[in-house]
Amino acid sequence: MHIQADTERCIGAGMCALTAPDLFDQSDHDGTVVLLRAGVCGQEVAEAARAAVEACPSGALTLTD
């Protein structure tokens, strides 16, 4: 599984970083998403990634296999 983050679409709400802090952070410059790990392995990490994607209000995050 692979995470993609569209920083152009991101509104800086920070739900990803709150939901999955091991996978996401926010830019100090503008608050947009910073992807800490693009690759996801393990069930617990995959569940956190899915929860972050669902929580993103702008739809800036996607998961691919």
PDB file of N, CA and C in Angstrom:
ATOM      1  N   MET A   1       0.846  -1.166   0.000  1.00  0.00           N
ATOM      2  CA  MET A   1       0.000   0.000   0.000  1.00  0.00           C
ATOM      3  C   MET A   1       0.895   1.234   0.000  1.00  0.00           C
ATOM      4  N   HIS A   2       0.459   2.251  -0.704  1.00  0.00           N
ATOM      5  CA  HIS A   2       1.246   3.475  -0.883  1.00  0.00           C
ATOM      6  C   HIS A   2       0.345   4.685  -0.627  1.00  0.00           C
ATOM      7  N   ILE A   3       0.863   5.666   0.092  1.00  0.00           N
ATOM      8  CA  ILE A   3       0.122   6.900   0.376  1.00  0.00           C
ATOM      9  C   ILE A   3       0.594   7.986  -0.581  1.00  0.00           C
ATOM     10  N   GLN A   4      -0.351   8.743  -1.102  1.00  0.00           N
ATOM     11  CA  GLN A   4      -0.041   9.916  -1.912  1.00  0.00           C
ATOM     12  C   GLN A   4      -0.686  11.123  -1.251  1.00  0.00           C
ATOM     13  N   ALA A   5       0.063  12.218  -1.201  1.00  0.00           N
ATOM     14  CA  ALA A   5      -0.439  13.453  -0.607  1.00  0.00           C
ATOM     15  C   ALA A   5      -0.327  14.586  -1.613  1.00  0.00           C
ATOM     16  N   ASP A   6      -1.427  15.248  -1.876  1.00  0.00           N
ATOM     17  CA  ASP A   6      -1.476  16.368  -2.813  1.00  0.00           C
ATOM     18  C   ASP A   6      -1.388  17.664  -2.014  1.00  0.00           C
ATOM     19  N   THR A   7      -0.198  18.247  -1.942  1.00  0.00           N
ATOM     20  CA  THR A   7      -0.008  19.461  -1.147  1.00  0.00           C
ATOM     21  C   THR A   7      -0.728  20.663  -1.743  1.00  0.00           C
ATOM     22  N   GLU A   8      -1.029  20.620  -3.028  1.00  0.00           N
ATOM     23  CA  GLU A   8      -1.780  21.712  -3.663  1.00  0.00           C
ATOM     24  C   GLU A   8      -3.242  21.705  -3.213  1.00  0.00           C
ATOM     25  N   ARG A   9      -3.747  20.543  -2.943  1.00  0.00           N
ATOM     26  CA  ARG A   9      -5.148  20.395  -2.530  1.00  0.00           C
ATOM     27  C   ARG A   9      -5.322  20.532  -1.014  1.00  0.00           C
ATOM     28  N   CYS A  10      -4.258  20.266  -0.263  1.00  0.00           N
ATOM     29  CA  CYS A  10      -4.287  20.287   1.204  1.00  0.00           C
ATOM     30  C   CYS A  10      -4.648  21.678   1.721  1.00  0.00           C
ATOM     31  N   ILE A  11      -5.528  21.738   2.724  1.00  0.00           N
ATOM     32  CA  ILE A  11      -5.921  23.009   3.333  1.00  0.00           C
ATOM     33  C   ILE A  11      -5.292  23.206   4.714  1.00  0.00           C
ATOM     34  N   GLY A  12      -4.455  22.263   5.140  1.00  0.00           N
ATOM     35  CA  GLY A  12      -3.745  22.407   6.404  1.00  0.00           C
ATOM     36  C   GLY A  12      -4.581  22.182   7.646  1.00  0.00           C
ATOM     37  N   ALA A  13      -5.622  21.375   7.540  1.00  0.00           N
ATOM     38  CA  ALA A  13      -6.485  21.111   8.693  1.00  0.00           C
ATOM     39  C   ALA A  13      -5.767  20.288   9.763  1.00  0.00           C
ATOM     40  N   GLY A  14      -4.810  19.480   9.375  1.00  0.00           N
ATOM     41  CA  GLY A  14      -4.013  18.704  10.314  1.00  0.00           C
ATOM     42  C   GLY A  14      -4.637  17.423  10.812  1.00  0.00           C
ATOM     43  N   MET A  15      -5.746  17.017  10.233  1.00  0.00           N
ATOM     44  CA  MET A  15      -6.396  15.781  10.674  1.00  0.00           C
ATOM     45  C   MET A  15      -5.515  14.563  10.431  1.00  0.00           C
ATOM     46  N   CYS A  16      -4.736  14.589   9.371  1.00  0.00           N
ATOM     47  CA  CYS A  16      -3.846  13.462   9.086  1.00  0.00           C
ATOM     48  C   CYS A  16      -2.798  13.306  10.182  1.00  0.00           C
ATOM     49  N   ALA A  17      -2.181  14.405  10.573  1.00  0.00           N
ATOM     50  CA  ALA A  17      -1.140  14.367  11.603  1.00  0.00           C
ATOM     51  C   ALA A  17      -1.719  13.985  12.964  1.00  0.00           C
ATOM     52  N   LEU A  18      -2.937  14.384  13.227  1.00  0.00           N
ATOM     53  CA  LEU A  18      -3.590  14.009  14.485  1.00  0.00           C
ATOM     54  C   LEU A  18      -3.994  12.537  14.480  1.00  0.00           C
ATOM     55  N   THR A  19      -4.432  12.053  13.335  1.00  0.00           N
ATOM     56  CA  THR A  19      -4.913  10.677  13.212  1.00  0.00           C
ATOM     57  C   THR A  19      -3.778   9.668  13.117  1.00  0.00           C
ATOM     58  N   ALA A  20      -2.739  10.003  12.373  1.00  0.00           N
ATOM     59  CA  ALA A  20      -1.621   9.073  12.146  1.00  0.00           C
ATOM     60  C   ALA A  20      -0.288   9.836  12.212  1.00  0.00           C
ATOM     61  N   PRO A  21       0.141  10.219  13.396  1.00  0.00           N
ATOM     62  CA  PRO A  21       1.359  11.029  13.527  1.00  0.00           C
ATOM     63  C   PRO A  21       2.645  10.320  13.098  1.00  0.00           C
ATOM     64  N   ASP A  22       2.619   9.010  12.984  1.00  0.00           N
ATOM     65  CA  ASP A  22       3.794   8.290  12.488  1.00  0.00           C
ATOM     66  C   ASP A  22       3.913   8.376  10.970  1.00  0.00           C
ATOM     67  N   LEU A  23       2.830   8.757  10.316  1.00  0.00           N
ATOM     68  CA  LEU A  23       2.816   8.820   8.859  1.00  0.00           C
ATOM     69  C   LEU A  23       2.817  10.242   8.312  1.00  0.00           C
ATOM     70  N   PHE A  24       2.251  11.178   9.082  1.00  0.00           N
ATOM     71  CA  PHE A  24       2.059  12.538   8.581  1.00  0.00           C
ATOM     72  C   PHE A  24       2.523  13.589   9.580  1.00  0.00           C
ATOM     73  N   ASP A  25       2.923  14.728   9.053  1.00  0.00           N
ATOM     74  CA  ASP A  25       3.233  15.914   9.849  1.00  0.00           C
ATOM     75  C   ASP A  25       2.695  17.102   9.053  1.00  0.00           C
ATOM     76  N   GLN A  26       2.900  18.290   9.595  1.00  0.00           N
ATOM     77  CA  GLN A  26       2.488  19.496   8.891  1.00  0.00           C
ATOM     78  C   GLN A  26       3.693  20.392   8.682  1.00  0.00           C
ATOM     79  N   SER A  27       3.720  21.055   7.554  1.00  0.00           N
ATOM     80  CA  SER A  27       4.794  21.968   7.212  1.00  0.00           C
ATOM     81  C   SER A  27       4.803  23.154   8.170  1.00  0.00           C
ATOM     82  N   ASP A  28       5.981  23.510   8.651  1.00  0.00           N
ATOM     83  CA  ASP A  28       6.115  24.707   9.486  1.00  0.00           C
ATOM     84  C   ASP A  28       5.862  25.963   8.670  1.00  0.00           C
ATOM     85  N   HIS A  29       6.062  25.869   7.376  1.00  0.00           N
ATOM     86  CA  HIS A  29       5.912  27.021   6.487  1.00  0.00           C
ATOM     87  C   HIS A  29       4.445  27.406   6.254  1.00  0.00           C
ATOM     88  N   ASP A  30       3.629  26.425   5.856  1.00  0.00           N
ATOM     89  CA  ASP A  30       2.240  26.755   5.502  1.00  0.00           C
ATOM     90  C   ASP A  30       1.196  25.804   6.077  1.00  0.00           C
ATOM     91  N   GLY A  31       1.622  24.840   6.872  1.00  0.00           N
ATOM     92  CA  GLY A  31       0.680  23.934   7.523  1.00  0.00           C
ATOM     93  C   GLY A  31       0.183  22.786   6.666  1.00  0.00           C
ATOM     94  N   THR A  32       0.650  22.695   5.431  1.00  0.00           N
ATOM     95  CA  THR A  32       0.188  21.613   4.567  1.00  0.00           C
ATOM     96  C   THR A  32       0.838  20.296   4.965  1.00  0.00           C
ATOM     97  N   VAL A  33       0.274  19.226   4.464  1.00  0.00           N
ATOM     98  CA  VAL A  33       0.704  17.876   4.813  1.00  0.00           C
ATOM     99  C   VAL A  33       2.159  17.615   4.422  1.00  0.00           C
ATOM    100  N   VAL A  34       2.848  16.932   5.318  1.00  0.00           N
ATOM    101  CA  VAL A  34       4.186  16.416   5.051  1.00  0.00           C
ATOM    102  C   VAL A  34       4.096  14.908   5.246  1.00  0.00           C
ATOM    103  N   LEU A  35       4.402  14.180   4.213  1.00  0.00           N
ATOM    104  CA  LEU A  35       4.348  12.723   4.248  1.00  0.00           C
ATOM    105  C   LEU A  35       5.651  12.193   4.831  1.00  0.00           C
ATOM    106  N   LEU A  36       5.557  11.502   5.966  1.00  0.00           N
ATOM    107  CA  LEU A  36       6.746  10.967   6.625  1.00  0.00           C
ATOM    108  C   LEU A  36       7.152   9.617   6.064  1.00  0.00           C
ATOM    109  N   ARG A  37       6.167   8.834   5.626  1.00  0.00           N
ATOM    110  CA  ARG A  37       6.414   7.513   5.022  1.00  0.00           C
ATOM    111  C   ARG A  37       5.396   7.291   3.926  1.00  0.00           C
ATOM    112  N   ALA A  38       5.853   7.037   2.733  1.00  0.00           N
ATOM    113  CA  ALA A  38       4.929   6.791   1.627  1.00  0.00           C
ATOM    114  C   ALA A  38       4.463   5.343   1.600  1.00  0.00           C
ATOM    115  N   GLY A  39       5.347   4.437   1.985  1.00  0.00           N
ATOM    116  CA  GLY A  39       5.009   3.022   1.984  1.00  0.00           C
ATOM    117  C   GLY A  39       4.359   2.610   3.285  1.00  0.00           C
ATOM    118  N   VAL A  40       3.311   1.808   3.185  1.00  0.00           N
ATOM    119  CA  VAL A  40       2.584   1.337   4.360  1.00  0.00           C
ATOM    120  C   VAL A  40       2.651  -0.177   4.392  1.00  0.00           C
ATOM    121  N   CYS A  41       3.131  -0.710   5.500  1.00  0.00           N
ATOM    122  CA  CYS A  41       3.114  -2.155   5.669  1.00  0.00           C
ATOM    123  C   CYS A  41       2.697  -2.462   7.101  1.00  0.00           C
ATOM    124  N   GLY A  42       1.964  -3.520   7.249  1.00  0.00           N
ATOM    125  CA  GLY A  42       1.434  -3.896   8.554  1.00  0.00           C
ATOM    126  C   GLY A  42       0.003  -3.439   8.713  1.00  0.00           C
ATOM    127  N   GLN A  43      -0.798  -4.263   9.355  1.00  0.00           N
ATOM    128  CA  GLN A  43      -2.227  -3.990   9.483  1.00  0.00           C
ATOM    129  C   GLN A  43      -2.509  -2.734  10.309  1.00  0.00           C
ATOM    130  N   GLU A  44      -1.808  -2.542  11.401  1.00  0.00           N
ATOM    131  CA  GLU A  44      -2.050  -1.386  12.262  1.00  0.00           C
ATOM    132  C   GLU A  44      -1.734  -0.079  11.541  1.00  0.00           C
ATOM    133  N   VAL A  45      -0.634  -0.044  10.816  1.00  0.00           N
ATOM    134  CA  VAL A  45      -0.252   1.154  10.066  1.00  0.00           C
ATOM    135  C   VAL A  45      -1.234   1.394   8.926  1.00  0.00           C
ATOM    136  N   ALA A  46      -1.669   0.334   8.271  1.00  0.00           N
ATOM    137  CA  ALA A  46      -2.635   0.471   7.181  1.00  0.00           C
ATOM    138  C   ALA A  46      -3.964   1.025   7.697  1.00  0.00           C
ATOM    139  N   GLU A  47      -4.398   0.579   8.854  1.00  0.00           N
ATOM    140  CA  GLU A  47      -5.641   1.093   9.443  1.00  0.00           C
ATOM    141  C   GLU A  47      -5.503   2.567   9.778  1.00  0.00           C
ATOM    142  N   ALA A  48      -4.348   2.978  10.313  1.00  0.00           N
ATOM    143  CA  ALA A  48      -4.117   4.390  10.622  1.00  0.00           C
ATOM    144  C   ALA A  48      -4.111   5.227   9.351  1.00  0.00           C
ATOM    145  N   ALA A  49      -3.502   4.710   8.286  1.00  0.00           N
ATOM    146  CA  ALA A  49      -3.468   5.415   7.006  1.00  0.00           C
ATOM    147  C   ALA A  49      -4.878   5.584   6.449  1.00  0.00           C
ATOM    148  N   ARG A  50      -5.675   4.525   6.496  1.00  0.00           N
ATOM    149  CA  ARG A  50      -7.066   4.609   6.012  1.00  0.00           C
ATOM    150  C   ARG A  50      -7.867   5.630   6.821  1.00  0.00           C
ATOM    151  N   ALA A  51      -7.690   5.630   8.129  1.00  0.00           N
ATOM    152  CA  ALA A  51      -8.402   6.574   8.991  1.00  0.00           C
ATOM    153  C   ALA A  51      -8.011   8.014   8.662  1.00  0.00           C
ATOM    154  N   ALA A  52      -6.740   8.247   8.394  1.00  0.00           N
ATOM    155  CA  ALA A  52      -6.275   9.591   8.039  1.00  0.00           C
ATOM    156  C   ALA A  52      -6.847  10.036   6.697  1.00  0.00           C
ATOM    157  N   VAL A  53      -6.885   9.122   5.735  1.00  0.00           N
ATOM    158  CA  VAL A  53      -7.450   9.445   4.420  1.00  0.00           C
ATOM    159  C   VAL A  53      -8.930   9.814   4.572  1.00  0.00           C
ATOM    160  N   GLU A  54      -9.652   9.054   5.357  1.00  0.00           N
ATOM    161  CA  GLU A  54     -11.081   9.334   5.575  1.00  0.00           C
ATOM    162  C   GLU A  54     -11.297  10.634   6.337  1.00  0.00           C
ATOM    163  N   ALA A  55     -10.379  10.985   7.226  1.00  0.00           N
ATOM    164  CA  ALA A  55     -10.533  12.191   8.047  1.00  0.00           C
ATOM    165  C   ALA A  55     -10.136  13.476   7.320  1.00  0.00           C
ATOM    166  N   CYS A  56      -9.428  13.346   6.204  1.00  0.00           N
ATOM    167  CA  CYS A  56      -8.944  14.520   5.482  1.00  0.00           C
ATOM    168  C   CYS A  56     -10.109  15.287   4.847  1.00  0.00           C
ATOM    169  N   PRO A  57     -10.359  16.527   5.302  1.00  0.00           N
ATOM    170  CA  PRO A  57     -11.505  17.270   4.778  1.00  0.00           C
ATOM    171  C   PRO A  57     -11.337  17.750   3.329  1.00  0.00           C
ATOM    172  N   SER A  58     -10.113  17.843   2.850  1.00  0.00           N
ATOM    173  CA  SER A  58      -9.907  18.333   1.486  1.00  0.00           C
ATOM    174  C   SER A  58      -9.748  17.227   0.461  1.00  0.00           C
ATOM    175  N   GLY A  59      -9.609  15.991   0.918  1.00  0.00           N
ATOM    176  CA  GLY A  59      -9.406  14.881  -0.006  1.00  0.00           C
ATOM    177  C   GLY A  59      -8.023  14.871  -0.609  1.00  0.00           C
ATOM    178  N   ALA A  60      -7.045  15.424   0.103  1.00  0.00           N
ATOM    179  CA  ALA A  60      -5.679  15.519  -0.408  1.00  0.00           C
ATOM    180  C   ALA A  60      -4.901  14.220  -0.300  1.00  0.00           C
ATOM    181  N   LEU A  61      -5.436  13.243   0.410  1.00  0.00           N
ATOM    182  CA  LEU A  61      -4.725  11.986   0.629  1.00  0.00           C
ATOM    183  C   LEU A  61      -5.404  10.849  -0.111  1.00  0.00           C
ATOM    184  N   THR A  62      -4.590   9.974  -0.704  1.00  0.00           N
ATOM    185  CA  THR A  62      -5.108   8.781  -1.364  1.00  0.00           C
ATOM    186  C   THR A  62      -4.215   7.595  -1.031  1.00  0.00           C
ATOM    187  N   LEU A  63      -4.809   6.412  -1.062  1.00  0.00           N
ATOM    188  CA  LEU A  63      -4.091   5.160  -0.870  1.00  0.00           C
ATOM    189  C   LEU A  63      -4.182   4.338  -2.141  1.00  0.00           C
ATOM    190  N   THR A  64      -3.073   3.730  -2.527  1.00  0.00           N
ATOM    191  CA  THR A  64      -3.054   2.833  -3.681  1.00  0.00           C
ATOM    192  C   THR A  64      -2.386   1.530  -3.270  1.00  0.00           C
ATOM    193  N   ASP A  65      -2.715   0.457  -3.964  1.00  0.00           N
ATOM    194  CA  ASP A  65      -2.096  -0.838  -3.679  1.00  0.00           C
ATOM    195  C   ASP A  65      -0.806  -1.009  -4.406  1.00  0.00           C
TER     196      ASP A  65
END
